[in-house]
Each structure stands twice: as structure tokens, then as C-alpha cells.
Amino acid sequence: MQDMNNNNDINTVLVRDLLKEKRADRRWKNIRFIAWFALFAYLIIATFSFLGKTPTPAGIVNGKYAALIRLDGMIAPGRDLSADELLPVMREAFADKNAVGVVININSPGGTPVQAAIIHDAIIAYKKKYHKKVIVVGEDLLTSGAYYVAVAGDKIYVNPNTITGSIGVIMKGFGFVDLMKKVGVERRVYTAGDNKDRLDPFLPQTPADLEKIKEVMTEVHQNFVQAVIEGRKGKLNGDPKQLFSGDFWSGQTAVKLGLVDDLGNLMEAMNKEFKTTEYKEYGPSANIFRMLSGQLSSAFELFYTYA
């Protein structure tokens, strides 16, 4: 009987210890969960707080920085460098009250006339509205529609090797008239309007077609030329026939021709114009990884382009 009582006491103690152990284990699980949850919540809040604040890395005097926008690629509808995508980004960058100015870093072969013109005009409008100085820095390519955008800036900097200029308009297409004859296929097109089938690649070109193409492209080219003349007023040094021929030059020669203002990379240009090398980046490329690291298809599908 005594042994049975002892066994019961031992079992009771074991059960009690087991329950204590389980309670302790559950308590530590809850503590770990709460700790991890709190850490995760802190990181989320800190990240969004960081993104919403002016970057002030060590060495910045009074938080001095420029607002940076990167334009990398073809300027065209439906792309990252379309007016629809860029205008909200530019508006946000220009509206940054703490930024000492705006820097537009461009590496682009150009794009469509309409998109380039809209972006160009928006830069001018935002400069007037927010009273911000704008400098443009060209990288590998600053040509055609990209150069159209660049002349909206107050100063343009390039690398000595930056391909610059190409102030012209190009229209591309194909003709399949002879191929149709060889294949023995008859194309049937019905229109309402005498010129609705103009530029049909399966029909031979006519003198009227060529005259129409020349008329339209000349008008588009003149709009481009006028934007360059206004943007580079008093700075162009070359013969207009040469400058506006659609030709391109190295950055080094572009300085001599007055197409750009000076040679320099992004940091050099910012330091010279704004007395800072720090920036806050706006746009699709301004991701958290870039900011935390320290500083916070083809032309075939285009009808006519500046590219």
C-alpha cells in the first residue's frame, strides 16, 4: 500500500514537472514569436520611415543633396521612359523642397518625337513652377530624342566619349512589291479616302508618297531644331547645317560645338553645380537596395523616331 502511494506521488510529480516544462516551452515559443514579430514590424516601419525621409549620410552639410532621375533606354510609349511613367516621377523630384536642384542622368539612343517633346516640355514647366536648377549628365548615349530632352536642362555634362547629337528624324520601313510578284500573291486593299493606303509596304512608292514623307519629317525635324536653338541659346558654335544634319559626335567635340556645356561625370557635375555629391533618387531604379547601399523593343516597332 505504501509502495502504491509512493508510485502515485512520483507520477504526480512527473506529471506536474511535465506540465511545467510544457508551459515553459509554450511561454518561450510565445516570447520568441512576439520578439520576431516586433523585430519584423520595427524593420518595416524603419524602412518606410527611411524611404520617406531626406537622406543624410555622414559628411553632408545641413542635409544638402540633389534630386536624381535616371533615364536609361528607349524613350517610347509603353516603356519605363514614356511620358506617362516619367512625369509623375519628375513632379515628385522637383517638388522635393529640401533638394538643392535636379539632376537628370541620361543613357539613351532616343525615341519617338512625341514622347521626347512631352518630357522636354514638362522639365521646362517644372523648372518654372518649382524654381529648381536642372543639370543633365549624359553617359554612353545622349542622342536624338534623348538630346531633345537634355536641352531642357540648364547645363549639360558628358563624358569625353559620350555619343552626342544626332539632331534629326528617321523613318523606317520595308517594301515587298517585287516579293509579291515572285510569290504570285495578289494584295487586295479597299479604302475610303484616296490616301488611306499611303506607305503600304506592298504597294510601290509614288512621287506623292515621297513628297508627303518629306513634308512630315521636315516639320518634325524643325520642331526638334527649334527646341535645340531655344535650349542652347547663345551657346551653339557650329554651322547649323552641320549641327542639324542628324550627325553625331563624341562628347569632347560636342563641347566645342556648344551642344553641351562641359565634361564631367555625375558626381563631378553635382559637385560643380550644387556643391554636393549626395543625392536622393526618384523613379523605378530608386529601389531600397540602391538607397541602402549608400546613395539612396527595339526601334523596329516605331513609326518614325529621333533615334
Protein backbone atom coordinates (compact mmCIF):
# COMPACT_ATOMS: atom_id res chain seq x y z
CA MET A 1 0.00 0.00 0.00
CA GLN A 2 2.83 2.28 0.89
CA ASP A 3 4.55 1.44 -2.38
CA MET A 4 1.39 2.32 -4.31
CA ASN A 5 1.15 5.67 -2.59
CA ASN A 6 4.80 6.35 -3.36
CA ASN A 7 4.22 5.49 -7.00
CA ASN A 8 1.25 7.83 -7.15
CA ASP A 9 3.34 10.64 -5.61
CA ILE A 10 6.10 10.02 -8.12
CA ASN A 11 3.62 10.05 -11.01
CA THR A 12 2.06 13.24 -9.72
CA VAL A 13 5.45 14.91 -9.50
CA LEU A 14 6.37 13.70 -13.01
CA VAL A 15 3.08 14.97 -14.45
CA ARG A 16 3.48 18.27 -12.65
CA ASP A 17 7.07 18.66 -13.92
CA LEU A 18 6.00 17.72 -17.43
CA LEU A 19 3.21 20.30 -17.37
CA LYS A 20 5.63 22.93 -16.07
CA GLU A 21 8.06 22.06 -18.83
CA LYS A 22 5.35 22.31 -21.50
CA ARG A 23 4.11 25.60 -20.08
CA ALA A 24 7.67 26.96 -20.07
CA ASP A 25 8.24 25.73 -23.60
CA ARG A 26 4.96 27.31 -24.75
CA ARG A 27 5.84 30.52 -22.94
CA TRP A 28 9.25 30.72 -24.66
CA LYS A 29 7.64 29.99 -28.03
CA ASN A 30 5.26 32.87 -27.44
CA ILE A 31 8.12 35.12 -26.33
CA ARG A 32 10.15 34.21 -29.43
CA PHE A 33 7.13 34.81 -31.67
CA ILE A 34 6.47 38.20 -30.10
CA ALA A 35 10.16 39.13 -30.33
CA TRP A 36 10.41 38.17 -34.02
CA PHE A 37 7.12 39.89 -34.79
CA ALA A 38 8.28 43.06 -33.03
CA LEU A 39 11.60 42.97 -34.88
CA PHE A 40 9.87 42.45 -38.22
CA ALA A 41 7.41 45.26 -37.53
CA TYR A 42 10.28 47.54 -36.48
CA LEU A 43 12.19 46.82 -39.69
CA ILE A 44 9.10 47.51 -41.83
CA ILE A 45 8.40 50.79 -40.04
CA ALA A 46 12.07 51.79 -40.13
CA THR A 47 12.30 51.00 -43.84
CA PHE A 48 9.28 53.09 -44.78
CA SER A 49 10.41 55.85 -42.45
CA PHE A 50 13.80 55.80 -44.15
CA LEU A 51 12.24 55.99 -47.58
CA GLY A 52 10.11 58.92 -46.53
CA LYS A 53 12.95 60.91 -45.01
CA THR A 54 15.64 63.05 -46.54
CA PRO A 55 18.85 61.02 -46.73
CA THR A 56 21.55 62.47 -44.54
CA PRO A 57 24.66 60.28 -44.88
CA ALA A 58 27.75 61.19 -42.92
CA GLY A 59 29.58 64.17 -44.34
CA ILE A 60 26.54 66.05 -45.69
CA VAL A 61 26.43 69.63 -44.53
CA ASN A 62 22.90 70.53 -43.44
CA GLY A 63 21.49 67.57 -45.38
CA LYS A 64 22.45 69.07 -48.74
CA TYR A 65 21.56 66.83 -51.69
CA ALA A 66 20.17 66.86 -55.23
CA ALA A 67 17.11 65.04 -56.59
CA LEU A 68 18.23 62.46 -59.15
CA ILE A 69 16.25 60.98 -62.04
CA ARG A 70 17.74 58.29 -64.30
CA LEU A 71 16.67 57.86 -67.94
CA ASP A 72 18.11 54.62 -69.28
CA GLY A 73 16.79 53.08 -72.51
CA MET A 74 14.46 53.90 -75.37
CA ILE A 75 12.01 56.80 -74.96
CA ALA A 76 8.71 55.43 -76.22
CA PRO A 77 5.09 54.74 -75.23
CA GLY A 78 4.53 51.71 -73.03
CA ARG A 79 8.09 51.74 -71.70
CA ASP A 80 9.74 52.93 -68.49
CA LEU A 81 10.84 56.05 -70.38
CA SER A 82 7.41 57.13 -71.53
CA ALA A 83 5.79 60.41 -70.56
CA ASP A 84 3.15 58.54 -68.55
CA GLU A 85 5.83 56.88 -66.42
CA LEU A 86 8.26 59.78 -66.14
CA LEU A 87 6.09 62.81 -65.49
CA PRO A 88 4.89 61.69 -62.03
CA VAL A 89 8.49 60.84 -61.11
CA MET A 90 9.73 64.24 -62.27
CA ARG A 91 6.94 66.04 -60.45
CA GLU A 92 7.90 64.32 -57.20
CA ALA A 93 11.60 65.09 -57.68
CA PHE A 94 11.01 68.75 -58.49
CA ALA A 95 8.60 69.10 -55.57
CA ASP A 96 11.25 67.94 -53.08
CA LYS A 97 11.67 71.16 -51.08
CA ASN A 98 14.91 70.01 -49.49
CA ALA A 99 16.69 69.21 -52.77
CA VAL A 100 19.07 71.94 -53.93
CA GLY A 101 18.40 71.07 -57.58
CA VAL A 102 17.51 68.31 -60.01
CA VAL A 103 19.95 66.03 -61.86
CA ILE A 104 18.81 64.01 -64.88
CA ASN A 105 21.22 61.22 -65.73
CA ILE A 106 20.61 60.04 -69.32
CA ASN A 107 21.82 57.00 -71.23
CA SER A 108 19.51 56.70 -74.23
CA PRO A 109 19.68 56.46 -78.04
CA GLY A 110 16.47 58.47 -78.36
CA GLY A 111 12.89 57.53 -79.15
CA THR A 112 9.66 58.91 -80.52
CA PRO A 113 9.27 62.64 -81.18
CA VAL A 114 6.05 62.98 -79.21
CA GLN A 115 7.31 61.33 -76.01
CA ALA A 116 10.59 63.26 -76.13
CA ALA A 117 8.75 66.54 -76.67
CA ILE A 118 6.33 65.92 -73.79
CA ILE A 119 9.17 65.12 -71.39
CA HIS A 120 11.18 68.12 -72.62
CA ASP A 121 8.24 70.49 -72.13
CA ALA A 122 7.47 69.04 -68.69
CA ILE A 123 11.02 69.72 -67.49
CA ILE A 124 10.74 73.34 -68.58
CA ALA A 125 7.33 73.70 -66.90
CA TYR A 126 8.56 72.14 -63.63
CA LYS A 127 11.65 74.36 -63.62
CA LYS A 128 9.42 77.42 -63.72
CA LYS A 129 6.93 76.11 -61.20
CA TYR A 130 9.40 74.88 -58.57
CA HIS A 131 12.28 77.25 -59.36
CA LYS A 132 14.82 74.44 -59.49
CA LYS A 133 18.04 74.36 -61.45
CA VAL A 134 18.37 71.31 -63.69
CA ILE A 135 21.59 69.72 -64.87
CA VAL A 136 21.76 66.83 -67.33
CA VAL A 137 24.55 64.26 -67.33
CA GLY A 138 24.98 62.08 -70.42
CA GLU A 139 26.56 58.65 -70.21
CA ASP A 140 27.20 56.34 -73.20
CA LEU A 141 24.46 57.79 -75.41
CA LEU A 142 22.86 61.22 -75.48
CA THR A 143 21.39 61.25 -78.97
CA SER A 144 18.25 62.13 -80.88
CA GLY A 145 15.19 62.18 -78.61
CA ALA A 146 17.44 61.89 -75.56
CA TYR A 147 19.27 65.03 -76.63
CA TYR A 148 15.88 66.70 -77.22
CA VAL A 149 15.11 66.02 -73.55
CA ALA A 150 18.57 67.18 -72.45
CA VAL A 151 18.32 70.68 -73.93
CA ALA A 152 15.55 71.42 -71.42
CA GLY A 153 18.22 71.44 -68.71
CA ASP A 154 20.20 74.47 -67.60
CA LYS A 155 23.55 72.71 -68.03
CA ILE A 156 24.59 69.55 -69.90
CA TYR A 157 27.63 67.47 -68.90
CA VAL A 158 29.01 64.48 -70.82
CA ASN A 159 31.91 62.09 -70.78
CA PRO A 160 34.56 62.79 -73.45
CA ASN A 161 33.40 59.59 -75.17
CA THR A 162 29.63 60.11 -74.89
CA ILE A 163 27.98 59.79 -78.31
CA THR A 164 26.12 63.10 -78.58
CA GLY A 165 23.80 64.85 -81.02
CA SER A 166 22.04 63.13 -83.92
CA ILE A 167 19.61 66.02 -84.27
CA GLY A 168 17.49 64.51 -86.99
CA VAL A 169 14.48 62.35 -87.77
CA ILE A 170 14.44 58.89 -89.29
CA MET A 171 11.57 56.89 -90.74
CA LYS A 172 11.99 53.20 -91.45
CA GLY A 173 10.01 50.68 -93.43
CA PHE A 174 10.13 47.82 -95.96
CA GLY A 175 8.88 47.30 -99.49
CA PHE A 176 7.58 43.89 -100.61
CA VAL A 177 6.30 44.72 -104.08
CA ASP A 178 8.75 42.52 -106.01
CA LEU A 179 8.42 39.74 -103.48
CA MET A 180 4.65 39.70 -104.00
CA LYS A 181 5.17 39.35 -107.75
CA LYS A 182 7.62 36.47 -107.33
CA VAL A 183 5.39 34.65 -104.90
CA GLY A 184 2.39 35.24 -107.14
CA VAL A 185 0.21 36.76 -104.43
CA GLU A 186 -2.29 39.49 -105.16
CA ARG A 187 -2.88 42.01 -102.37
CA ARG A 188 -6.36 43.44 -102.12
CA VAL A 189 -6.86 46.67 -100.18
CA TYR A 190 -10.06 48.70 -100.01
CA THR A 191 -10.08 52.27 -98.71
CA ALA A 192 -12.37 55.22 -98.29
CA GLY A 193 -10.08 58.16 -98.89
CA ASP A 194 -7.58 58.44 -101.72
CA ASN A 195 -4.50 58.39 -99.49
CA LYS A 196 -5.56 55.93 -96.81
CA ASP A 197 -3.20 53.26 -98.16
CA ARG A 198 -0.23 55.59 -98.39
CA LEU A 199 3.04 53.89 -97.37
CA ASP A 200 1.54 50.41 -97.75
CA PRO A 201 4.69 48.22 -97.99
CA PHE A 202 3.03 46.01 -100.61
CA LEU A 203 2.40 48.91 -102.98
CA PRO A 204 5.06 50.77 -105.00
CA GLN A 205 6.09 54.20 -103.76
CA THR A 206 4.87 57.19 -105.73
CA PRO A 207 6.33 60.70 -106.06
CA ALA A 208 3.37 61.91 -103.98
CA ASP A 209 4.31 59.44 -101.21
CA LEU A 210 7.89 60.67 -101.11
CA GLU A 211 6.76 64.30 -101.06
CA LYS A 212 4.41 63.59 -98.16
CA ILE A 213 7.10 61.81 -96.16
CA LYS A 214 9.49 64.70 -96.74
CA GLU A 215 6.86 67.23 -95.67
CA VAL A 216 6.04 65.48 -92.40
CA MET A 217 9.64 64.67 -91.47
CA THR A 218 10.75 68.23 -92.23
CA GLU A 219 8.14 69.62 -89.86
CA VAL A 220 9.12 67.19 -87.09
CA HIS A 221 12.80 67.97 -87.67
CA GLN A 222 12.18 71.71 -87.49
CA ASN A 223 10.40 71.29 -84.15
CA PHE A 224 13.46 69.44 -82.87
CA VAL A 225 15.82 72.11 -84.23
CA GLN A 226 13.78 74.90 -82.66
CA ALA A 227 13.88 73.19 -79.26
CA VAL A 228 17.68 72.91 -79.52
CA ILE A 229 18.07 76.54 -80.57
CA GLU A 230 15.95 77.73 -77.65
CA GLY A 231 17.57 75.40 -75.13
CA ARG A 232 21.13 76.19 -76.25
CA LYS A 233 20.57 79.87 -76.95
CA GLY A 234 23.88 81.69 -77.34
CA LYS A 235 25.90 78.50 -76.84
CA LEU A 236 25.95 76.82 -80.27
CA ASN A 237 29.22 77.29 -82.14
CA GLY A 238 28.96 75.10 -85.24
CA ASP A 239 27.43 75.61 -88.65
CA PRO A 240 23.66 74.95 -88.37
CA LYS A 241 23.81 72.76 -91.49
CA GLN A 242 26.33 70.59 -89.70
CA LEU A 243 24.71 70.64 -86.26
CA PHE A 244 21.24 69.79 -87.51
CA SER A 245 22.25 67.28 -90.17
CA GLY A 246 21.49 64.28 -87.97
CA ASP A 247 25.19 63.63 -87.44
CA PHE A 248 26.69 62.73 -84.06
CA TRP A 249 29.93 63.48 -82.22
CA SER A 250 31.97 62.48 -79.21
CA GLY A 251 31.34 64.39 -76.00
CA GLN A 252 34.68 66.07 -76.39
CA THR A 253 33.72 67.53 -79.76
CA ALA A 254 30.18 68.27 -78.59
CA VAL A 255 31.65 70.70 -76.03
CA LYS A 256 33.48 72.56 -78.79
CA LEU A 257 30.30 72.74 -80.89
CA GLY A 258 28.31 74.11 -77.96
CA LEU A 259 25.93 71.15 -77.92
CA VAL A 260 26.87 70.55 -74.28
CA ASP A 261 28.45 72.72 -71.60
CA ASP A 262 31.28 70.72 -70.09
CA LEU A 263 32.89 67.36 -69.48
CA GLY A 264 32.22 65.52 -66.25
CA ASN A 265 30.57 62.52 -64.65
CA LEU A 266 27.57 62.53 -62.33
CA MET A 267 29.47 63.30 -59.13
CA GLU A 268 31.68 65.93 -60.73
CA ALA A 269 28.70 67.71 -62.27
CA MET A 270 26.75 67.73 -58.99
CA ASN A 271 29.74 68.96 -57.04
CA LYS A 272 30.39 71.75 -59.53
CA GLU A 273 26.77 72.92 -59.84
CA PHE A 274 25.33 72.17 -56.40
CA LYS A 275 28.42 71.81 -54.16
CA THR A 276 27.38 68.31 -53.13
CA THR A 277 27.82 64.73 -54.32
CA GLU A 278 24.86 63.38 -52.37
CA TYR A 279 21.50 62.68 -53.93
CA LYS A 280 18.05 61.27 -53.38
CA GLU A 281 16.96 59.13 -56.29
CA TYR A 282 13.48 59.08 -57.78
CA GLY A 283 11.95 56.61 -60.21
CA PRO A 284 11.85 52.86 -60.91
CA SER A 285 15.59 52.45 -60.34
CA ALA A 286 15.38 54.09 -56.90
CA ASN A 287 14.93 50.78 -55.08
CA ILE A 288 15.67 50.07 -51.42
CA PHE A 289 18.87 48.16 -52.21
CA ARG A 290 20.37 51.09 -54.13
CA MET A 291 19.39 53.55 -51.42
CA LEU A 292 20.64 51.41 -48.55
CA SER A 293 23.98 50.85 -50.29
CA GLY A 294 24.90 54.47 -49.77
CA GLN A 295 23.21 56.57 -52.41
CA LEU A 296 19.96 56.26 -51.64
CA SER A 297 11.64 46.69 -78.39
CA SER A 298 13.65 47.98 -80.32
CA ALA A 299 13.33 50.85 -82.83
CA PHE A 300 11.73 48.43 -85.29
CA GLU A 301 8.32 48.91 -83.69
CA LEU A 302 8.45 52.71 -84.06
CA PHE A 303 6.88 54.53 -86.98
CA TYR A 304 9.25 57.47 -87.05
CA THR A 305 11.72 58.40 -84.37
CA TYR A 306 14.52 60.68 -83.30
CA ALA A 307 16.62 57.55 -82.77
